[in-house]
Amino acid sequence: MEWLFFLGLGVGMIFLSIFLFIQRAQWGNLSDSQKKVRIFITGLIVLVILFGIMSFFIFTINNFEECEKAGYPIIEGNPRYCVINNNKVFAEKI
């Protein structure tokens, strides 16, 4: 599932690059209010990309305890198992 993160990051960076290229080409013809809107949109795109990067590294679950703490379903047994959305399964260490 990590490939999905990197695909999204790549698409976001391409979108941002195209957006900034178009902005630069039209910058001289814009009024001050239009420039402020473009700067705001650019900042918003950058924040979304940064949030995606941070959430990938902060909210990554690596073991049973983190999975249980995050509230994912626990399959009772010996050992217990925790399953997350992308079908990763973590077994409880006994």
C-alpha atoms as a PDB file:
ATOM      1  CA  MET A   1       0.000   0.000   0.000  1.00  0.00           C
ATOM      2  CA  GLU A   2       3.027   2.302   0.310  1.00  0.00           C
ATOM      3  CA  TRP A   3       3.111   2.590  -3.473  1.00  0.00           C
ATOM      4  CA  LEU A   4      -0.246   4.390  -3.306  1.00  0.00           C
ATOM      5  CA  PHE A   5       1.274   7.072  -1.072  1.00  0.00           C
ATOM      6  CA  PHE A   6       4.171   7.644  -3.460  1.00  0.00           C
ATOM      7  CA  LEU A   7       1.834   7.667  -6.459  1.00  0.00           C
ATOM      8  CA  GLY A   8      -0.306  10.323  -4.777  1.00  0.00           C
ATOM      9  CA  LEU A   9       2.774  12.321  -3.837  1.00  0.00           C
ATOM     10  CA  GLY A  10       4.067  12.180  -7.416  1.00  0.00           C
ATOM     11  CA  VAL A  11       0.722  13.231  -8.892  1.00  0.00           C
ATOM     12  CA  GLY A  12       0.477  16.066  -6.361  1.00  0.00           C
ATOM     13  CA  MET A  13       3.942  17.336  -7.212  1.00  0.00           C
ATOM     14  CA  ILE A  14       3.217  17.184 -10.948  1.00  0.00           C
ATOM     15  CA  PHE A  15      -0.055  19.079 -10.413  1.00  0.00           C
ATOM     16  CA  LEU A  16       1.748  21.701  -8.321  1.00  0.00           C
ATOM     17  CA  SER A  17       4.504  22.085 -10.937  1.00  0.00           C
ATOM     18  CA  ILE A  18       1.981  22.593 -13.746  1.00  0.00           C
ATOM     19  CA  PHE A  19      -0.026  25.023 -11.617  1.00  0.00           C
ATOM     20  CA  LEU A  20       3.084  27.072 -10.770  1.00  0.00           C
ATOM     21  CA  PHE A  21       4.227  27.082 -14.413  1.00  0.00           C
ATOM     22  CA  ILE A  22       0.845  28.418 -15.554  1.00  0.00           C
ATOM     23  CA  GLN A  23       0.905  31.015 -12.767  1.00  0.00           C
ATOM     24  CA  ARG A  24       4.343  32.252 -13.759  1.00  0.00           C
ATOM     25  CA  ALA A  25       3.304  32.591 -17.395  1.00  0.00           C
ATOM     26  CA  GLN A  26       0.246  34.701 -16.496  1.00  0.00           C
ATOM     27  CA  TRP A  27       1.622  36.552 -13.452  1.00  0.00           C
ATOM     28  CA  GLY A  28       2.214  39.901 -15.170  1.00  0.00           C
ATOM     29  CA  ASN A  29      -1.388  40.146 -16.414  1.00  0.00           C
ATOM     30  CA  LEU A  30      -3.056  39.549 -13.030  1.00  0.00           C
ATOM     31  CA  SER A  31      -4.492  42.097 -10.638  1.00  0.00           C
ATOM     32  CA  ASP A  32      -3.342  42.167  -7.013  1.00  0.00           C
ATOM     33  CA  SER A  33      -6.460  40.333  -5.796  1.00  0.00           C
ATOM     34  CA  GLN A  34      -5.953  37.602  -8.413  1.00  0.00           C
ATOM     35  CA  LYS A  35      -2.317  37.250  -7.325  1.00  0.00           C
ATOM     36  CA  LYS A  36      -3.405  36.843  -3.699  1.00  0.00           C
ATOM     37  CA  VAL A  37      -5.889  34.127  -4.682  1.00  0.00           C
ATOM     38  CA  ARG A  38      -3.207  32.282  -6.663  1.00  0.00           C
ATOM     39  CA  ILE A  39      -0.766  32.503  -3.743  1.00  0.00           C
ATOM     40  CA  PHE A  40      -3.467  31.173  -1.395  1.00  0.00           C
ATOM     41  CA  ILE A  41      -4.274  28.246  -3.718  1.00  0.00           C
ATOM     42  CA  THR A  42      -0.583  27.418  -4.105  1.00  0.00           C
ATOM     43  CA  GLY A  43      -0.122  27.463  -0.336  1.00  0.00           C
ATOM     44  CA  LEU A  44      -3.165  25.241   0.098  1.00  0.00           C
ATOM     45  CA  ILE A  45      -1.817  22.698  -2.396  1.00  0.00           C
ATOM     46  CA  VAL A  46       1.558  22.656  -0.630  1.00  0.00           C
ATOM     47  CA  LEU A  47      -0.141  22.155   2.762  1.00  0.00           C
ATOM     48  CA  VAL A  48      -2.206  19.242   1.444  1.00  0.00           C
ATOM     49  CA  ILE A  49       0.911  17.567   0.036  1.00  0.00           C
ATOM     50  CA  LEU A  50       2.811  18.126   3.306  1.00  0.00           C
ATOM     51  CA  PHE A  51      -0.112  16.766   5.351  1.00  0.00           C
ATOM     52  CA  GLY A  52      -0.135  13.653   3.178  1.00  0.00           C
ATOM     53  CA  ILE A  53       3.579  13.122   3.755  1.00  0.00           C
ATOM     54  CA  MET A  54       3.293  13.701   7.510  1.00  0.00           C
ATOM     55  CA  SER A  55       0.253  11.466   7.913  1.00  0.00           C
ATOM     56  CA  PHE A  56       2.022   8.640   6.092  1.00  0.00           C
ATOM     57  CA  PHE A  57       4.953   8.714   8.486  1.00  0.00           C
ATOM     58  CA  ILE A  58       3.062   9.611  11.673  1.00  0.00           C
ATOM     59  CA  PHE A  59       0.048   7.336  11.294  1.00  0.00           C
ATOM     60  CA  THR A  60       1.802   4.239   9.989  1.00  0.00           C
ATOM     61  CA  ILE A  61       0.949   1.187  12.090  1.00  0.00           C
ATOM     62  CA  ASN A  62       3.810  -1.258  12.604  1.00  0.00           C
ATOM     63  CA  ASN A  63       2.727  -3.708  15.326  1.00  0.00           C
ATOM     64  CA  PHE A  64      -0.210  -5.240  17.199  1.00  0.00           C
ATOM     65  CA  GLU A  65      -0.194  -2.698  20.017  1.00  0.00           C
ATOM     66  CA  GLU A  66      -0.376   0.284  17.654  1.00  0.00           C
ATOM     67  CA  CYS A  67      -3.121  -1.443  15.655  1.00  0.00           C
ATOM     68  CA  GLU A  68      -5.172  -2.133  18.789  1.00  0.00           C
ATOM     69  CA  LYS A  69      -4.657   1.410  20.077  1.00  0.00           C
ATOM     70  CA  ALA A  70      -5.849   2.822  16.745  1.00  0.00           C
ATOM     71  CA  GLY A  71      -9.153   0.971  17.199  1.00  0.00           C
ATOM     72  CA  TYR A  72      -8.931  -1.609  14.429  1.00  0.00           C
ATOM     73  CA  PRO A  73     -10.839  -4.881  14.903  1.00  0.00           C
ATOM     74  CA  ILE A  74      -9.254  -7.567  17.067  1.00  0.00           C
ATOM     75  CA  ILE A  75      -9.727 -11.230  16.177  1.00  0.00           C
ATOM     76  CA  GLU A  76      -9.823 -13.228  19.386  1.00  0.00           C
ATOM     77  CA  GLY A  77      -7.696 -16.335  19.624  1.00  0.00           C
ATOM     78  CA  ASN A  78      -4.318 -17.342  20.873  1.00  0.00           C
ATOM     79  CA  PRO A  79      -2.571 -15.189  19.798  1.00  0.00           C
ATOM     80  CA  ARG A  80      -4.992 -12.342  19.053  1.00  0.00           C
ATOM     81  CA  TYR A  81      -4.807 -10.688  15.633  1.00  0.00           C
ATOM     82  CA  CYS A  82      -5.428  -7.126  14.542  1.00  0.00           C
ATOM     83  CA  VAL A  83      -6.383  -6.394  10.919  1.00  0.00           C
ATOM     84  CA  ILE A  84      -6.070  -2.961   9.303  1.00  0.00           C
ATOM     85  CA  ASN A  85      -7.742  -1.633   6.154  1.00  0.00           C
ATOM     86  CA  ASN A  86      -5.075  -2.640   3.662  1.00  0.00           C
ATOM     87  CA  ASN A  87      -5.276  -6.267   4.836  1.00  0.00           C
ATOM     88  CA  LYS A  88      -2.169  -6.132   7.004  1.00  0.00           C
ATOM     89  CA  VAL A  89      -2.437  -8.518   9.941  1.00  0.00           C
ATOM     90  CA  PHE A  90      -0.505  -8.124  13.205  1.00  0.00           C
ATOM     91  CA  ALA A  91      -0.299 -10.925  15.758  1.00  0.00           C
ATOM     92  CA  GLU A  92      -0.067 -10.232  19.481  1.00  0.00           C
ATOM     93  CA  LYS A  93       3.272 -11.255  20.981  1.00  0.00           C
ATOM     94  CA  ILE A  94       2.699 -13.603  23.887  1.00  0.00           C
END
